[in-house]
Protein backbone atom coordinates (compact mmCIF):
# COMPACT_ATOMS: atom_id res chain seq x y z
CA MET A 1 100.05 106.11 118.34
CA SER A 2 100.03 107.74 121.80
CA ALA A 3 97.81 106.70 124.57
CA PRO A 4 94.52 108.51 124.80
CA GLY A 5 94.78 109.49 128.39
CA ALA A 6 92.03 110.08 130.88
CA ALA A 7 88.66 111.50 129.72
CA SER A 8 87.50 114.81 131.01
CA GLY A 9 85.00 117.36 129.92
CA LEU A 10 84.63 119.11 126.60
CA GLU A 11 83.54 122.77 126.33
CA ALA A 12 84.76 123.45 122.76
CA VAL A 13 86.97 122.10 119.98
CA VAL A 14 89.35 124.52 118.14
CA PHE A 15 90.67 123.33 114.64
CA ASP A 16 93.79 124.24 112.75
CA VAL A 17 93.19 124.48 108.97
CA ASP A 18 96.22 123.71 106.80
CA GLY A 19 96.92 119.98 106.93
CA THR A 20 94.33 119.42 109.60
CA LEU A 21 90.79 120.25 108.27
CA VAL A 22 92.10 120.34 104.69
CA ASP A 23 95.14 118.71 103.15
CA SER A 24 95.98 122.10 101.50
CA GLU A 25 99.81 122.22 101.62
CA ARG A 26 100.96 120.08 98.85
CA ASP A 27 98.27 120.64 96.29
CA GLY A 28 97.11 124.11 97.30
CA HIS A 29 99.74 126.43 98.77
CA ARG A 30 102.67 124.78 97.00
CA VAL A 31 100.91 125.09 93.61
CA ALA A 32 99.83 128.77 94.28
CA PHE A 33 103.52 129.58 95.25
CA ASN A 34 104.84 128.05 92.17
CA ALA A 35 102.27 129.88 89.96
CA ALA A 36 103.31 133.14 91.59
CA PHE A 37 107.04 132.39 90.89
CA GLU A 38 106.13 131.72 87.33
CA GLU A 39 104.05 134.79 86.76
CA ALA A 40 106.85 137.01 88.27
CA GLY A 41 109.33 135.43 85.84
CA LEU A 42 111.42 133.90 88.65
CA PRO A 43 113.09 130.52 88.11
CA ASP A 44 112.19 129.34 91.72
CA ARG A 45 110.05 126.26 91.94
CA TRP A 46 109.14 124.10 95.08
CA ASP A 47 108.72 120.42 94.51
CA VAL A 48 106.93 118.25 96.99
CA ALA A 49 110.03 117.43 99.13
CA THR A 50 111.38 120.96 99.18
CA TYR A 51 107.97 122.24 100.38
CA GLY A 52 107.82 119.59 102.96
CA GLU A 53 110.99 121.18 104.46
CA LEU A 54 109.88 124.81 104.03
CA ILE A 55 106.47 124.41 105.84
CA ARG A 56 108.41 124.04 109.15
CA VAL A 57 108.76 127.89 108.75
CA PRO A 58 105.46 129.28 109.97
CA GLY A 59 103.85 131.84 107.67
CA GLY A 60 103.91 132.04 103.89
CA GLU A 61 105.61 135.46 103.66
CA ARG A 62 108.26 134.46 106.13
CA ARG A 63 108.79 131.22 104.14
CA LEU A 64 109.35 133.16 100.97
CA ALA A 65 111.74 135.67 102.61
CA LEU A 66 113.93 132.81 104.07
CA TRP A 67 114.04 131.15 100.76
CA PHE A 68 114.96 134.22 98.86
CA GLU A 69 117.68 135.23 101.50
CA SER A 70 119.07 131.53 101.68
CA ASN A 71 119.46 131.68 97.91
CA GLY A 72 121.58 134.76 97.79
CA ARG A 73 119.29 137.73 97.88
CA PRO A 74 119.97 140.60 100.36
CA PRO A 75 117.65 140.55 103.46
CA GLU A 76 115.75 143.71 102.48
CA GLU A 77 115.28 142.79 98.96
CA SER A 78 114.09 139.38 100.13
CA ARG A 79 111.51 140.79 102.42
CA GLY A 80 110.14 143.10 99.85
CA LEU A 81 109.89 140.45 97.14
CA ALA A 82 108.37 137.99 99.61
CA ALA A 83 105.56 140.59 100.46
CA ARG A 84 104.69 141.11 96.88
CA LEU A 85 104.79 137.40 95.87
CA HIS A 86 102.82 136.55 98.95
CA ARG A 87 99.89 138.95 98.00
CA ARG A 88 99.80 137.26 94.54
CA LYS A 89 100.09 133.82 95.91
CA THR A 90 97.08 134.55 98.20
CA ALA A 91 94.98 135.56 95.12
CA ILE A 92 95.99 132.48 93.27
CA MET A 93 95.01 130.27 96.35
CA ARG A 94 91.63 131.96 96.42
CA GLY A 95 91.14 130.91 92.76
CA LEU A 96 92.04 127.38 93.62
CA ILE A 97 89.56 127.43 96.28
CA ALA A 98 86.89 128.84 94.04
CA GLU A 99 87.51 126.04 91.56
CA GLY A 100 86.91 123.43 94.16
CA ARG A 101 90.52 122.14 94.06
CA LEU A 102 90.74 121.67 97.92
CA GLN A 103 88.57 119.34 99.97
CA PRO A 104 88.30 118.33 103.61
CA ARG A 105 90.34 115.42 104.87
CA PRO A 106 88.54 112.14 104.89
CA GLY A 107 86.40 111.82 108.09
CA VAL A 108 86.50 115.49 109.06
CA ARG A 109 82.90 116.16 108.24
CA ARG A 110 81.74 113.15 110.21
CA LEU A 111 83.63 114.49 113.40
CA LEU A 112 82.20 117.84 112.82
CA ASP A 113 78.69 116.47 112.59
CA GLU A 114 79.12 114.45 115.78
CA LEU A 115 80.41 117.38 117.77
CA THR A 116 77.64 119.74 116.38
CA ALA A 117 74.90 117.10 117.24
CA ASP A 118 76.15 117.19 120.82
CA GLY A 119 76.01 120.94 120.87
CA ILE A 120 79.79 121.57 121.18
CA PRO A 121 80.90 124.87 119.74
CA LEU A 122 83.53 124.66 116.98
CA HIS A 123 86.20 127.34 116.46
CA VAL A 124 89.35 127.84 114.26
CA ALA A 125 92.86 128.98 115.16
CA THR A 126 95.15 129.28 112.20
CA THR A 127 98.25 131.14 111.15
CA GLY A 128 96.89 131.31 107.47
CA THR A 129 95.77 134.54 106.01
CA ARG A 130 92.00 135.48 106.32
CA ALA A 131 91.82 136.43 102.73
CA TRP A 132 91.98 132.64 101.78
CA VAL A 133 90.87 130.99 105.06
CA GLU A 134 87.58 132.57 105.05
CA PRO A 135 86.48 131.55 101.61
CA LEU A 136 87.86 128.10 102.15
CA LEU A 137 85.92 127.57 105.37
CA THR A 138 82.75 128.99 104.04
CA GLY A 139 82.84 127.08 100.79
CA LEU A 140 83.58 123.61 102.44
CA PHE A 141 81.96 123.87 105.89
CA GLY A 142 79.38 126.73 105.71
CA ASP A 143 78.86 128.47 108.94
CA ARG A 144 80.01 125.65 111.29
CA PHE A 145 82.76 127.59 113.03
CA GLU A 146 81.70 130.21 115.46
CA THR A 147 84.95 131.96 115.99
CA VAL A 148 87.78 132.07 113.42
CA VAL A 149 91.15 133.66 114.30
CA THR A 150 93.83 133.89 111.69
CA GLY A 151 97.40 135.05 111.07
CA THR A 152 95.99 138.30 109.71
CA GLU A 153 94.75 139.21 113.26
CA VAL A 154 97.61 137.67 115.33
CA ARG A 155 101.26 138.62 114.38
CA ASP A 156 102.93 135.90 116.40
CA LEU A 157 102.55 132.66 114.62
CA LYS A 158 102.63 129.07 115.91
CA PRO A 159 104.44 127.70 117.87
CA ASP A 160 103.58 130.85 119.78
CA PRO A 161 100.23 130.40 121.53
CA ALA A 162 98.95 133.76 120.61
CA VAL A 163 96.28 132.50 118.14
CA TYR A 164 94.92 130.05 120.60
CA GLU A 165 94.88 132.60 123.49
CA GLN A 166 92.96 134.93 121.22
CA VAL A 167 90.23 132.31 120.56
CA LEU A 168 90.11 131.71 124.29
CA ARG A 169 89.66 135.43 125.04
CA LEU A 170 86.97 135.83 122.42
CA THR A 171 84.94 132.76 123.43
CA GLY A 172 85.51 132.72 127.19
CA CYS A 173 86.20 129.05 127.09
CA ARG A 174 88.35 127.49 129.70
CA PRO A 175 91.60 126.11 128.15
CA GLU A 176 91.62 122.83 130.02
CA GLN A 177 88.11 122.07 128.76
CA THR A 178 88.85 123.24 125.17
CA VAL A 179 90.46 120.70 122.82
CA ALA A 180 92.78 121.78 119.90
CA VAL A 181 93.00 119.62 116.81
CA GLU A 182 96.43 119.98 114.99
CA ASP A 183 98.60 118.25 112.53
CA SER A 184 102.07 119.53 113.22
CA GLY A 185 104.60 119.97 115.94
CA ASN A 186 104.38 123.76 115.82
CA GLY A 187 100.61 123.56 116.25
CA VAL A 188 100.82 121.07 119.16
CA ARG A 189 103.34 123.22 120.87
CA ALA A 190 101.17 126.42 120.49
CA ALA A 191 98.09 124.64 121.74
CA VAL A 192 99.87 123.18 124.78
CA ALA A 193 101.45 126.52 125.65
CA ALA A 194 97.93 127.92 125.72
CA GLY A 195 97.02 125.38 128.44
CA MET A 196 94.89 123.24 126.14
CA PRO A 197 94.75 119.51 125.57
CA CYS A 198 95.53 118.80 121.96
CA VAL A 199 95.03 115.72 119.51
CA ALA A 200 97.27 115.51 116.47
CA VAL A 201 96.01 114.08 113.15
CA HIS A 202 99.23 114.07 111.21
CA ASN A 203 99.72 113.98 107.44
CA PRO A 204 102.56 112.95 105.18
CA TYR A 205 104.39 116.24 105.71
CA THR A 206 104.16 116.09 109.50
CA ARG A 207 104.60 112.40 110.15
CA GLU A 208 108.02 112.90 111.48
CA ASP A 209 107.18 115.93 113.57
CA ASP A 210 107.64 115.77 117.38
CA LEU A 211 104.01 115.46 118.44
CA SER A 212 104.83 114.17 121.83
CA GLY A 213 102.96 116.98 123.62
CA ALA A 214 99.62 115.70 122.07
CA ALA A 215 97.19 113.68 124.15
CA LEU A 216 96.57 111.49 121.10
CA VAL A 217 98.38 111.15 117.81
CA SER A 218 96.48 109.70 115.00
CA ASP A 219 97.01 108.77 111.31
CA GLY A 220 93.54 110.17 110.22
CA PHE A 221 89.95 111.18 111.28
CA HIS A 222 88.77 107.68 110.61
CA ASP A 223 91.02 106.31 113.35
CA PRO A 224 88.79 104.56 115.82
CA ALA A 225 91.00 105.62 118.66
CA LEU A 226 90.42 109.37 117.75
CA THR A 227 86.59 108.75 117.49
CA ASP A 228 86.65 106.95 120.94
CA TRP A 229 88.76 109.80 122.48
CA PHE A 230 86.19 112.47 121.48
CA ARG A 231 83.28 110.24 122.52
CA ARG A 232 84.55 109.77 125.94
CA ARG A 233 85.27 113.50 126.32
CA ARG A 234 81.72 114.30 125.28
CA ALA A 235 80.44 111.63 127.68
CA ALA A 236 82.33 113.19 130.38
CA ARG A 237 80.78 116.62 129.48
CA ARG A 238 77.22 115.20 129.99
CA ARG A 239 77.83 113.90 133.37
């Protein structure tokens, strides 16, 4: 675990979604991708370990295109097939969400409650597609998040800082006073490139990522060090 660093003010908190708010990669996206493969009559299947490698490629459609091309399909065919499969995968993912198959990571709701009680605005910056991100956030968290920017609106995906920069533009928040919460190396790099302090709450897929740019690296939202870090930032905000 990295050192927490000095406390300073807290104007807003911006959360990533996949692997951060919700442990959605292994039992959500992976399941949906495999179902899309099966429906299309394709032999491709992504087991847990394979998907753990593939999520290093940001964006599901890009992930699919790279997979097909690396397995011998021509680039143009790979891109076209990836676009079709990704649309179907998104629809399947929406179905999993509607069935309640995805839940917040342990401790997430408590942190959101504490931040909300202190009047701190909450936002989302994700490279996921709005078509599934919006129903997931609404179903699990209601209207907690004031601003939600997704990969549907921003073409340059993490580690590019574009999605965070868009949140900052829309909210008018100062980057140095706006904390990002991430789970991956790509996410941490995106937040830091946008000038924002970042805390990382890794999961089994991102445990080996380079998270050295984060002000704090934690195993989970129940970690006392994470709770204390946010409490000190909130206290500095009130001074």
